[in-house]
């Protein structure tokens, strides 16, 4: 068994801790909603509209603080506050963009796995059909086709004629019982 340390309240390492209530409850954030929001934000930051808005904001900021009334300027020439705001914006934008990229990479990985599985099924189906076609070809070589049977019958007929046997074709008249040329089954018993 695990040793118990004195002064720790008998906590054991092989058992989970009891959950404690926090003094300040943690806010719950739906990860999917936050991920969708971060993707929208990252997508917006990559648009020309964002670049135009950001450029207009910076130009207005610098213009007002450089050429505006001296007593209404809030950020003098070094524009330290503007630099601070842009750094803050970049510090929030970078993780959000990385989160959006990670989500896209996860989607790409799932799509790749599904494509790979579908390709494997298609390959297995193709191999199965190839084996079936090969088996049919082998079976067809052993099976007599209609053309083969006809050619064999023709050669047999020619061989019989060569031996001098009379070959007659049957007609409807030959099959009638009155003509007497039918088989014994066709003749009435006497």
N, C-alpha and C. Protein backbone atom coordinates (compact mmCIF):
# COMPACT_ATOMS: atom_id res chain seq x y z
N UNK A 1 0.83 -1.19 0.00
CA UNK A 1 0.00 0.00 0.00
C UNK A 1 0.87 1.24 0.00
N UNK A 2 0.30 2.34 -0.39
CA UNK A 2 1.03 3.61 -0.43
C UNK A 2 1.18 4.16 0.97
N UNK A 3 2.32 4.79 1.18
CA UNK A 3 2.59 5.39 2.50
C UNK A 3 1.78 6.66 2.64
N UNK A 4 1.32 6.90 3.86
CA UNK A 4 0.61 8.12 4.14
C UNK A 4 1.57 9.09 4.79
N UNK A 5 1.56 10.31 4.32
CA UNK A 5 2.44 11.33 4.89
C UNK A 5 1.71 12.06 6.01
N UNK A 6 2.41 12.28 7.09
CA UNK A 6 1.77 13.04 8.17
C UNK A 6 1.62 14.51 7.78
N UNK A 7 0.58 15.10 8.27
CA UNK A 7 0.35 16.52 8.02
C UNK A 7 -0.35 16.79 6.70
N UNK A 8 -0.68 15.77 5.93
CA UNK A 8 -1.33 15.94 4.64
C UNK A 8 -2.79 15.53 4.70
N UNK A 9 -3.25 15.19 5.86
CA UNK A 9 -4.65 14.80 6.00
C UNK A 9 -4.92 13.41 5.44
N UNK A 10 -3.88 12.58 5.37
CA UNK A 10 -4.07 11.21 4.90
C UNK A 10 -4.34 11.10 3.41
N UNK A 11 -3.85 12.03 2.61
CA UNK A 11 -4.07 11.98 1.17
C UNK A 11 -3.24 10.87 0.56
N UNK A 12 -3.85 10.10 -0.29
CA UNK A 12 -3.15 9.02 -0.96
C UNK A 12 -3.00 9.37 -2.44
N UNK A 13 -1.89 8.93 -2.99
CA UNK A 13 -1.61 9.25 -4.39
C UNK A 13 -2.35 8.33 -5.36
N UNK A 14 -2.82 7.18 -4.88
CA UNK A 14 -3.50 6.25 -5.79
C UNK A 14 -5.01 6.48 -5.85
N UNK A 15 -5.51 7.52 -5.18
CA UNK A 15 -6.93 7.84 -5.20
C UNK A 15 -7.11 9.29 -5.62
N UNK A 16 -8.17 9.57 -6.36
CA UNK A 16 -8.39 10.96 -6.79
C UNK A 16 -8.73 11.87 -5.62
N UNK A 17 -8.41 13.14 -5.79
CA UNK A 17 -8.73 14.12 -4.75
C UNK A 17 -10.23 14.38 -4.72
N UNK A 18 -10.67 14.80 -3.57
CA UNK A 18 -12.05 15.24 -3.48
C UNK A 18 -12.15 16.62 -4.09
N UNK A 19 -13.25 16.87 -4.76
CA UNK A 19 -13.42 18.20 -5.37
C UNK A 19 -13.81 19.20 -4.29
N UNK A 20 -13.19 20.36 -4.36
CA UNK A 20 -13.50 21.43 -3.41
C UNK A 20 -14.28 22.51 -4.13
N UNK A 21 -15.11 23.16 -3.41
CA UNK A 21 -15.85 24.29 -3.98
C UNK A 21 -14.94 25.50 -4.00
N UNK A 22 -14.95 26.17 -5.12
CA UNK A 22 -14.13 27.38 -5.25
C UNK A 22 -14.86 28.55 -4.62
N UNK A 23 -14.08 29.49 -4.11
CA UNK A 23 -14.69 30.69 -3.54
C UNK A 23 -15.35 31.53 -4.62
N UNK A 24 -14.66 31.62 -5.76
CA UNK A 24 -15.21 32.35 -6.89
C UNK A 24 -15.48 31.33 -7.99
N UNK A 25 -16.72 31.21 -8.43
CA UNK A 25 -17.01 30.20 -9.45
C UNK A 25 -16.34 30.55 -10.78
N UNK A 26 -15.83 29.52 -11.43
CA UNK A 26 -15.18 29.72 -12.73
C UNK A 26 -16.24 29.94 -13.80
N UNK A 27 -15.97 30.86 -14.69
CA UNK A 27 -16.94 31.03 -15.79
C UNK A 27 -16.83 29.84 -16.75
N UNK A 28 -17.97 29.38 -17.21
CA UNK A 28 -17.98 28.27 -18.15
C UNK A 28 -18.11 28.83 -19.56
N UNK A 29 -17.25 28.35 -20.43
CA UNK A 29 -17.24 28.81 -21.81
C UNK A 29 -17.39 27.58 -22.69
N UNK A 30 -18.34 27.64 -23.58
CA UNK A 30 -18.50 26.56 -24.54
C UNK A 30 -17.34 26.63 -25.53
N UNK A 31 -16.53 25.59 -25.58
CA UNK A 31 -15.33 25.62 -26.42
C UNK A 31 -15.67 25.71 -27.90
N UNK A 32 -16.76 25.08 -28.31
CA UNK A 32 -17.14 25.13 -29.72
C UNK A 32 -17.55 26.55 -30.12
N UNK A 33 -18.33 27.21 -29.26
CA UNK A 33 -18.75 28.58 -29.55
C UNK A 33 -17.55 29.52 -29.59
N UNK A 34 -16.65 29.36 -28.63
CA UNK A 34 -15.45 30.20 -28.61
C UNK A 34 -14.58 29.93 -29.83
N UNK A 35 -14.47 28.65 -30.24
CA UNK A 35 -13.69 28.31 -31.42
C UNK A 35 -14.27 28.91 -32.68
N UNK A 36 -15.60 28.86 -32.81
CA UNK A 36 -16.25 29.46 -33.98
C UNK A 36 -16.02 30.96 -33.99
N UNK A 37 -16.13 31.59 -32.82
CA UNK A 37 -15.91 33.03 -32.74
C UNK A 37 -14.47 33.37 -33.12
N UNK A 38 -13.50 32.58 -32.64
CA UNK A 38 -12.10 32.87 -32.97
C UNK A 38 -11.83 32.68 -34.45
N UNK A 39 -12.50 31.71 -35.09
CA UNK A 39 -12.33 31.54 -36.53
C UNK A 39 -12.90 32.74 -37.29
N UNK A 40 -14.04 33.22 -36.85
CA UNK A 40 -14.62 34.41 -37.51
C UNK A 40 -13.70 35.62 -37.34
N UNK A 41 -13.15 35.77 -36.14
CA UNK A 41 -12.25 36.89 -35.87
C UNK A 41 -11.00 36.78 -36.75
N UNK A 42 -10.41 35.59 -36.80
CA UNK A 42 -9.20 35.40 -37.62
C UNK A 42 -9.51 35.61 -39.09
N UNK A 43 -10.67 35.14 -39.53
CA UNK A 43 -11.05 35.33 -40.92
C UNK A 43 -11.23 36.82 -41.23
N UNK A 44 -11.83 37.58 -40.28
CA UNK A 44 -12.02 39.01 -40.50
C UNK A 44 -10.68 39.75 -40.54
N UNK A 45 -9.73 39.31 -39.69
CA UNK A 45 -8.43 40.00 -39.66
C UNK A 45 -7.65 39.79 -40.95
N UNK A 46 -8.01 38.82 -41.74
CA UNK A 46 -7.31 38.59 -43.00
C UNK A 46 -7.98 39.23 -44.19
N UNK A 47 -8.96 40.09 -43.95
CA UNK A 47 -9.69 40.70 -45.07
C UNK A 47 -9.15 42.10 -45.36
N UNK A 48 -9.32 42.56 -46.58
CA UNK A 48 -8.93 43.94 -46.92
C UNK A 48 -9.71 44.97 -46.10
N UNK A 49 -10.95 44.65 -45.73
CA UNK A 49 -11.76 45.59 -44.94
C UNK A 49 -11.08 45.89 -43.61
N UNK A 50 -10.56 44.82 -42.94
CA UNK A 50 -9.87 45.03 -41.68
C UNK A 50 -8.64 45.91 -41.87
N UNK A 51 -7.88 45.64 -42.92
CA UNK A 51 -6.67 46.45 -43.17
C UNK A 51 -7.03 47.91 -43.43
N UNK A 52 -8.10 48.14 -44.16
CA UNK A 52 -8.53 49.52 -44.42
C UNK A 52 -8.98 50.18 -43.12
N UNK A 53 -9.79 49.49 -42.30
CA UNK A 53 -10.23 50.04 -41.02
C UNK A 53 -9.04 50.34 -40.11
N UNK A 54 -8.10 49.41 -40.03
CA UNK A 54 -6.94 49.61 -39.16
C UNK A 54 -6.09 50.77 -39.66
N UNK A 55 -5.90 50.85 -40.96
CA UNK A 55 -5.12 51.97 -41.51
C UNK A 55 -5.81 53.30 -41.25
N UNK A 56 -7.11 53.35 -41.44
CA UNK A 56 -7.86 54.59 -41.18
C UNK A 56 -7.77 54.97 -39.70
N UNK A 57 -7.88 53.98 -38.81
CA UNK A 57 -7.78 54.25 -37.38
C UNK A 57 -6.41 54.84 -37.03
N UNK A 58 -5.35 54.22 -37.53
CA UNK A 58 -4.00 54.69 -37.20
C UNK A 58 -3.76 56.08 -37.80
N UNK A 59 -4.21 56.32 -39.03
CA UNK A 59 -4.02 57.64 -39.66
C UNK A 59 -4.79 58.70 -38.88
N UNK A 60 -6.03 58.41 -38.50
CA UNK A 60 -6.80 59.39 -37.71
C UNK A 60 -6.13 59.64 -36.35
N UNK A 61 -5.68 58.58 -35.72
CA UNK A 61 -5.01 58.72 -34.42
C UNK A 61 -3.79 59.63 -34.54
N UNK A 62 -2.93 59.30 -35.48
CA UNK A 62 -1.70 60.09 -35.64
C UNK A 62 -2.03 61.51 -36.09
N UNK A 63 -2.97 61.65 -37.01
CA UNK A 63 -3.37 62.98 -37.48
C UNK A 63 -3.91 63.86 -36.36
N UNK A 64 -4.81 63.30 -35.56
CA UNK A 64 -5.38 64.09 -34.47
C UNK A 64 -4.32 64.47 -33.44
N UNK A 65 -3.45 63.49 -33.09
CA UNK A 65 -2.46 63.76 -32.06
C UNK A 65 -1.27 64.56 -32.58
N UNK A 66 -1.11 64.67 -33.88
CA UNK A 66 -0.01 65.48 -34.41
C UNK A 66 -0.47 66.88 -34.80
N UNK A 67 -1.70 66.96 -35.35
CA UNK A 67 -2.15 68.26 -35.89
C UNK A 67 -3.40 68.82 -35.22
N UNK A 68 -3.95 68.13 -34.24
CA UNK A 68 -5.16 68.60 -33.57
C UNK A 68 -4.85 69.71 -32.58
N UNK A 69 -5.89 70.26 -31.94
CA UNK A 69 -5.67 71.29 -30.93
C UNK A 69 -4.79 70.77 -29.80
N UNK A 70 -3.78 71.54 -29.38
CA UNK A 70 -2.81 71.05 -28.39
C UNK A 70 -3.44 70.63 -27.07
N UNK A 71 -4.50 71.28 -26.64
CA UNK A 71 -5.07 70.90 -25.34
C UNK A 71 -5.98 69.67 -25.44
N UNK A 72 -6.36 69.20 -26.69
CA UNK A 72 -7.19 68.00 -26.86
C UNK A 72 -6.39 66.78 -27.31
N UNK A 73 -5.09 66.89 -27.42
CA UNK A 73 -4.27 65.74 -27.80
C UNK A 73 -4.06 64.85 -26.57
N UNK A 74 -4.31 63.57 -26.72
CA UNK A 74 -4.15 62.64 -25.59
C UNK A 74 -2.91 61.76 -25.71
N UNK A 75 -2.28 61.72 -26.90
CA UNK A 75 -1.09 60.90 -27.10
C UNK A 75 -0.08 61.72 -27.88
N UNK A 76 0.91 62.34 -27.19
CA UNK A 76 1.85 63.19 -27.91
C UNK A 76 2.73 62.41 -28.89
N UNK A 77 3.65 63.11 -29.53
CA UNK A 77 4.41 62.65 -30.70
C UNK A 77 4.93 61.21 -30.63
N UNK A 78 5.39 60.71 -29.58
CA UNK A 78 5.95 59.36 -29.58
C UNK A 78 4.86 58.30 -29.78
N UNK A 79 3.61 58.68 -29.58
CA UNK A 79 2.45 57.80 -29.76
C UNK A 79 2.60 56.49 -28.98
N UNK A 80 2.96 56.65 -27.70
CA UNK A 80 3.16 55.50 -26.83
C UNK A 80 1.85 54.75 -26.62
N UNK A 81 0.76 55.48 -26.43
CA UNK A 81 -0.52 54.84 -26.18
C UNK A 81 -0.99 54.05 -27.41
N UNK A 82 -0.76 54.59 -28.61
CA UNK A 82 -1.10 53.88 -29.86
C UNK A 82 -0.28 52.59 -29.97
N UNK A 83 0.99 52.67 -29.66
CA UNK A 83 1.84 51.48 -29.69
C UNK A 83 1.35 50.44 -28.70
N UNK A 84 0.95 50.89 -27.51
CA UNK A 84 0.43 49.99 -26.50
C UNK A 84 -0.86 49.32 -26.99
N UNK A 85 -1.76 50.08 -27.60
CA UNK A 85 -3.01 49.51 -28.10
C UNK A 85 -2.76 48.50 -29.22
N UNK A 86 -1.86 48.83 -30.14
CA UNK A 86 -1.56 47.89 -31.24
C UNK A 86 -0.89 46.62 -30.71
N UNK A 87 -0.03 46.78 -29.70
CA UNK A 87 0.60 45.60 -29.10
C UNK A 87 -0.44 44.74 -28.39
N UNK A 88 -1.37 45.37 -27.69
CA UNK A 88 -2.44 44.63 -27.02
C UNK A 88 -3.31 43.90 -28.03
N UNK A 89 -3.63 44.58 -29.12
CA UNK A 89 -4.43 43.96 -30.17
C UNK A 89 -3.70 42.76 -30.77
N UNK A 90 -2.41 42.88 -31.01
CA UNK A 90 -1.62 41.79 -31.58
C UNK A 90 -1.50 40.63 -30.59
N UNK A 91 -1.38 40.96 -29.29
CA UNK A 91 -1.24 39.90 -28.29
C UNK A 91 -2.52 39.08 -28.16
N UNK A 92 -3.68 39.68 -28.43
CA UNK A 92 -4.92 38.91 -28.44
C UNK A 92 -5.16 38.23 -29.78
N UNK A 93 -4.75 38.86 -30.85
CA UNK A 93 -5.00 38.33 -32.19
C UNK A 93 -4.19 37.06 -32.45
N UNK A 94 -2.94 37.04 -32.00
CA UNK A 94 -2.08 35.89 -32.30
C UNK A 94 -2.63 34.58 -31.73
N UNK A 95 -3.01 34.50 -30.46
CA UNK A 95 -3.57 33.23 -29.97
C UNK A 95 -4.88 32.85 -30.64
N UNK A 96 -5.70 33.86 -30.95
CA UNK A 96 -6.96 33.55 -31.62
C UNK A 96 -6.72 32.98 -33.02
N UNK A 97 -5.75 33.55 -33.72
CA UNK A 97 -5.41 33.04 -35.05
C UNK A 97 -4.84 31.63 -34.94
N UNK A 98 -4.00 31.39 -33.94
CA UNK A 98 -3.45 30.05 -33.74
C UNK A 98 -4.55 29.05 -33.40
N UNK A 99 -5.51 29.46 -32.59
CA UNK A 99 -6.63 28.59 -32.26
C UNK A 99 -7.42 28.24 -33.52
N UNK A 100 -7.67 29.23 -34.36
CA UNK A 100 -8.40 28.98 -35.61
C UNK A 100 -7.61 28.04 -36.52
N UNK A 101 -6.29 28.22 -36.57
CA UNK A 101 -5.46 27.33 -37.38
C UNK A 101 -5.46 25.91 -36.84
N UNK A 102 -5.44 25.76 -35.52
CA UNK A 102 -5.48 24.43 -34.92
C UNK A 102 -6.81 23.74 -35.23
N UNK A 103 -7.89 24.49 -35.16
CA UNK A 103 -9.19 23.91 -35.49
C UNK A 103 -9.25 23.50 -36.95
N UNK A 104 -8.68 24.32 -37.83
CA UNK A 104 -8.65 23.97 -39.25
C UNK A 104 -7.78 22.74 -39.48
N UNK A 105 -6.66 22.65 -38.77
CA UNK A 105 -5.79 21.48 -38.90
C UNK A 105 -6.52 20.22 -38.43
N UNK A 106 -7.31 20.33 -37.35
CA UNK A 106 -8.09 19.18 -36.88
C UNK A 106 -9.12 18.76 -37.92
N UNK A 107 -9.81 19.73 -38.53
CA UNK A 107 -10.77 19.41 -39.59
C UNK A 107 -10.08 18.76 -40.78
N UNK A 108 -8.91 19.28 -41.15
CA UNK A 108 -8.16 18.71 -42.27
C UNK A 108 -7.73 17.28 -41.95
N UNK A 109 -7.31 17.04 -40.71
CA UNK A 109 -6.88 15.70 -40.31
C UNK A 109 -8.05 14.72 -40.38
N UNK A 110 -9.22 15.14 -39.90
CA UNK A 110 -10.40 14.27 -39.96
C UNK A 110 -10.79 14.00 -41.41
N UNK A 111 -10.76 15.04 -42.24
CA UNK A 111 -11.09 14.85 -43.66
C UNK A 111 -10.09 13.92 -44.33
N UNK A 112 -8.81 14.05 -43.96
CA UNK A 112 -7.78 13.18 -44.53
C UNK A 112 -8.00 11.73 -44.11
N UNK A 113 -8.36 11.52 -42.84
CA UNK A 113 -8.63 10.16 -42.37
C UNK A 113 -9.84 9.57 -43.08
N UNK A 114 -10.88 10.38 -43.29
CA UNK A 114 -12.05 9.89 -44.00
C UNK A 114 -11.71 9.59 -45.46
N UNK A 115 -10.91 10.44 -46.09
CA UNK A 115 -10.48 10.18 -47.47
C UNK A 115 -9.65 8.91 -47.55
N UNK A 116 -8.76 8.73 -46.58
CA UNK A 116 -7.92 7.53 -46.57
C UNK A 116 -8.78 6.28 -46.40
N UNK A 117 -9.76 6.33 -45.50
CA UNK A 117 -10.64 5.18 -45.30
C UNK A 117 -11.45 4.89 -46.57
N UNK A 118 -11.96 5.94 -47.20
CA UNK A 118 -12.72 5.75 -48.43
C UNK A 118 -11.82 5.19 -49.53
N UNK A 119 -10.59 5.67 -49.63
CA UNK A 119 -9.65 5.14 -50.63
C UNK A 119 -9.33 3.68 -50.36
N UNK A 120 -9.18 3.31 -49.08
CA UNK A 120 -8.91 1.91 -48.75
C UNK A 120 -10.10 1.03 -49.13
N UNK A 121 -11.33 1.51 -48.88
CA UNK A 121 -12.52 0.74 -49.28
C UNK A 121 -12.58 0.60 -50.79
N UNK A 122 -12.29 1.70 -51.51
CA UNK A 122 -12.30 1.65 -52.97
C UNK A 122 -11.25 0.68 -53.49
N UNK A 123 -10.07 0.69 -52.88
CA UNK A 123 -9.01 -0.23 -53.30
C UNK A 123 -9.41 -1.67 -53.03
N UNK A 124 -10.01 -1.92 -51.87
CA UNK A 124 -10.46 -3.28 -51.55
C UNK A 124 -11.54 -3.73 -52.53
N UNK A 125 -12.48 -2.83 -52.85
CA UNK A 125 -13.52 -3.17 -53.82
C UNK A 125 -12.92 -3.45 -55.19
N UNK A 126 -11.96 -2.64 -55.59
CA UNK A 126 -11.32 -2.83 -56.89
C UNK A 126 -10.57 -4.16 -56.93
N UNK A 127 -9.85 -4.47 -55.86
CA UNK A 127 -9.14 -5.74 -55.82
C UNK A 127 -10.11 -6.92 -55.84
N UNK A 128 -11.23 -6.80 -55.13
CA UNK A 128 -12.23 -7.86 -55.14
C UNK A 128 -12.79 -8.04 -56.55
N UNK A 129 -13.15 -6.94 -57.20
CA UNK A 129 -13.69 -7.04 -58.56
C UNK A 129 -12.65 -7.61 -59.52
N UNK A 130 -11.39 -7.24 -59.34
CA UNK A 130 -10.33 -7.79 -60.19
C UNK A 130 -10.23 -9.30 -60.02
N UNK A 131 -10.29 -9.76 -58.77
CA UNK A 131 -10.25 -11.20 -58.52
C UNK A 131 -11.47 -11.90 -59.13
N UNK A 132 -12.63 -11.27 -59.01
CA UNK A 132 -13.84 -11.86 -59.58
C UNK A 132 -13.74 -11.95 -61.10
N UNK A 133 -13.26 -10.90 -61.75
CA UNK A 133 -13.12 -10.92 -63.21
C UNK A 133 -12.11 -11.99 -63.61
N UNK A 134 -11.01 -12.10 -62.89
CA UNK A 134 -10.02 -13.13 -63.19
C UNK A 134 -10.62 -14.52 -63.02
N UNK A 135 -11.41 -14.73 -61.97
CA UNK A 135 -12.06 -16.03 -61.76
C UNK A 135 -13.05 -16.32 -62.88
N UNK A 136 -13.79 -15.33 -63.31
CA UNK A 136 -14.73 -15.53 -64.43
C UNK A 136 -13.98 -15.87 -65.71
N UNK A 137 -12.87 -15.22 -65.96
CA UNK A 137 -12.09 -15.53 -67.16
C UNK A 137 -11.59 -16.97 -67.11
N UNK A 138 -11.09 -17.39 -65.96
CA UNK A 138 -10.64 -18.77 -65.83
C UNK A 138 -11.80 -19.74 -66.02
N UNK A 139 -12.94 -19.43 -65.47
CA UNK A 139 -14.11 -20.30 -65.59
C UNK A 139 -14.60 -20.34 -67.03
N UNK A 140 -14.52 -19.23 -67.73
CA UNK A 140 -14.98 -19.19 -69.12
C UNK A 140 -14.07 -20.01 -70.02
N UNK A 141 -12.81 -20.14 -69.69
CA UNK A 141 -11.91 -20.97 -70.49
C UNK A 141 -12.29 -22.44 -70.35
N UNK A 142 -12.80 -22.85 -69.22
CA UNK A 142 -13.18 -24.24 -68.99
C UNK A 142 -14.61 -24.51 -69.44
N UNK A 143 -15.42 -23.51 -69.58
CA UNK A 143 -16.83 -23.68 -69.93
C UNK A 143 -16.99 -23.58 -71.44
N UNK A 144 -17.85 -24.42 -71.96
CA UNK A 144 -18.11 -24.39 -73.40
C UNK A 144 -19.06 -23.25 -73.71
N UNK A 145 -18.66 -22.40 -74.62
CA UNK A 145 -19.51 -21.30 -75.04
C UNK A 145 -20.42 -21.76 -76.17
N UNK A 146 -21.39 -20.98 -76.51
CA UNK A 146 -22.32 -21.31 -77.57
C UNK A 146 -21.61 -21.47 -78.91
N UNK A 147 -20.69 -20.57 -79.18
CA UNK A 147 -19.93 -20.66 -80.44
C UNK A 147 -19.08 -21.92 -80.48
N UNK A 148 -18.49 -22.27 -79.34
CA UNK A 148 -17.68 -23.48 -79.29
C UNK A 148 -18.54 -24.71 -79.55
N UNK A 149 -19.71 -24.79 -78.92
CA UNK A 149 -20.60 -25.94 -79.12
C UNK A 149 -21.05 -26.02 -80.58
N UNK A 150 -21.40 -24.91 -81.19
CA UNK A 150 -21.80 -24.91 -82.59
C UNK A 150 -20.68 -25.41 -83.49
N UNK A 151 -19.47 -24.92 -83.24
CA UNK A 151 -18.36 -25.36 -84.09
C UNK A 151 -18.09 -26.85 -83.91
N UNK A 152 -18.21 -27.37 -82.71
CA UNK A 152 -18.03 -28.79 -82.48
C UNK A 152 -19.12 -29.60 -83.17
N UNK A 153 -20.35 -29.13 -83.12
CA UNK A 153 -21.44 -29.84 -83.80
C UNK A 153 -21.22 -29.83 -85.32
N UNK A 154 -20.79 -28.72 -85.87
CA UNK A 154 -20.51 -28.65 -87.31
C UNK A 154 -19.41 -29.63 -87.69
N UNK A 155 -18.36 -29.68 -86.89
CA UNK A 155 -17.27 -30.62 -87.22
C UNK A 155 -17.74 -32.06 -87.11
N UNK A 156 -18.61 -32.36 -86.14
CA UNK A 156 -19.16 -33.70 -86.02
C UNK A 156 -20.03 -34.05 -87.24
N UNK A 157 -20.84 -33.10 -87.69
CA UNK A 157 -21.67 -33.32 -88.87
C UNK A 157 -20.80 -33.57 -90.10
N UNK A 158 -19.76 -32.79 -90.26
CA UNK A 158 -18.85 -32.98 -91.40
C UNK A 158 -18.17 -34.34 -91.32
N UNK A 159 -17.79 -34.76 -90.12
CA UNK A 159 -17.15 -36.05 -89.95
C UNK A 159 -18.11 -37.19 -90.28
N UNK A 160 -19.37 -37.05 -89.86
CA UNK A 160 -20.37 -38.08 -90.18
C UNK A 160 -20.62 -38.16 -91.67
N UNK A 161 -20.68 -37.01 -92.35
CA UNK A 161 -20.89 -37.01 -93.80
C UNK A 161 -19.69 -37.64 -94.50
N UNK A 162 -18.50 -37.39 -93.99
CA UNK A 162 -17.31 -37.99 -94.59
C UNK A 162 -17.34 -39.50 -94.45
N UNK A 163 -17.89 -40.05 -93.39
CA UNK A 163 -17.95 -41.49 -93.18
C UNK A 163 -19.07 -42.13 -94.00
N UNK A 164 -19.90 -41.28 -94.56
CA UNK A 164 -20.96 -41.80 -95.41
C UNK A 164 -22.28 -41.97 -94.71
N UNK A 165 -22.42 -41.45 -93.53
CA UNK A 165 -23.70 -41.53 -92.84
C UNK A 165 -24.60 -40.42 -93.35
N UNK A 166 -25.86 -40.76 -93.49
CA UNK A 166 -26.81 -39.78 -94.02
C UNK A 166 -27.30 -38.91 -92.88
N UNK A 167 -27.23 -37.65 -93.13
CA UNK A 167 -27.68 -36.68 -92.14
C UNK A 167 -28.88 -35.98 -92.73
N UNK A 168 -30.00 -36.07 -92.03
CA UNK A 168 -31.20 -35.43 -92.51
C UNK A 168 -31.64 -34.38 -91.50
N UNK A 169 -32.15 -33.31 -92.00
CA UNK A 169 -32.73 -32.31 -91.12
C UNK A 169 -34.18 -32.67 -90.93
N UNK A 170 -34.63 -32.50 -89.73
CA UNK A 170 -36.01 -32.83 -89.43
C UNK A 170 -36.89 -31.66 -89.80
N UNK A 171 -38.01 -31.94 -90.32
CA UNK A 171 -38.97 -30.90 -90.64
C UNK A 171 -40.29 -31.24 -89.98
N UNK A 172 -41.26 -30.40 -90.13
CA UNK A 172 -42.57 -30.64 -89.52
C UNK A 172 -43.23 -31.86 -90.13
N UNK A 173 -42.99 -32.12 -91.42
CA UNK A 173 -43.60 -33.27 -92.07
C UNK A 173 -43.00 -34.57 -91.55
N UNK A 174 -41.70 -34.55 -91.24
CA UNK A 174 -41.05 -35.76 -90.75
C UNK A 174 -41.55 -36.13 -89.36
N UNK A 175 -42.02 -35.16 -88.61
CA UNK A 175 -42.45 -35.42 -87.23
C UNK A 175 -43.87 -35.97 -87.16
N UNK A 176 -44.64 -35.92 -88.25
CA UNK A 176 -46.03 -36.38 -88.20
C UNK A 176 -46.08 -37.90 -88.10
N UNK A 177 -47.04 -38.48 -87.35
CA UNK A 177 -47.11 -39.93 -87.18
C UNK A 177 -47.49 -40.65 -88.48
N UNK A 178 -48.13 -39.97 -89.40
CA UNK A 178 -48.57 -40.62 -90.63
C UNK A 178 -47.41 -40.94 -91.56
N UNK A 179 -46.37 -40.16 -91.49
CA UNK A 179 -45.26 -40.38 -92.41
C UNK A 179 -44.44 -41.59 -92.05
N UNK A 180 -44.50 -42.01 -90.82
CA UNK A 180 -43.79 -43.20 -90.39
C UNK A 180 -42.32 -42.99 -90.17
N UNK A 181 -41.85 -41.79 -90.25
CA UNK A 181 -40.44 -41.54 -90.03
C UNK A 181 -40.16 -41.01 -88.64
N UNK A 182 -41.17 -40.87 -87.82
CA UNK A 182 -40.97 -40.34 -86.49
C UNK A 182 -40.36 -41.39 -85.60
N UNK A 183 -40.14 -41.05 -84.39
CA UNK A 183 -39.53 -41.97 -83.44
C UNK A 183 -40.56 -42.99 -82.98
N UNK A 184 -40.12 -43.99 -82.29
CA UNK A 184 -41.01 -45.05 -81.82
C UNK A 184 -41.97 -44.53 -80.78
N UNK A 185 -41.63 -43.49 -80.15
CA UNK A 185 -42.53 -42.93 -79.14
C UNK A 185 -43.74 -42.28 -79.81
N UNK A 186 -43.50 -41.77 -81.05
CA UNK A 186 -44.60 -41.10 -81.74
C UNK A 186 -45.58 -42.09 -82.34
N UNK A 187 -45.17 -43.31 -82.55
CA UNK A 187 -46.05 -44.29 -83.20
C UNK A 187 -46.96 -44.92 -82.15
N UNK A 188 -48.20 -45.15 -82.55
CA UNK A 188 -49.10 -45.82 -81.63
C UNK A 188 -48.69 -47.29 -81.45
N UNK A 189 -48.89 -47.78 -80.28
CA UNK A 189 -48.53 -49.18 -79.98
C UNK A 189 -49.55 -50.12 -80.64
N UNK A 190 -49.13 -51.24 -81.23
CA UNK A 190 -50.03 -52.19 -81.88
C UNK A 190 -50.12 -53.48 -81.15
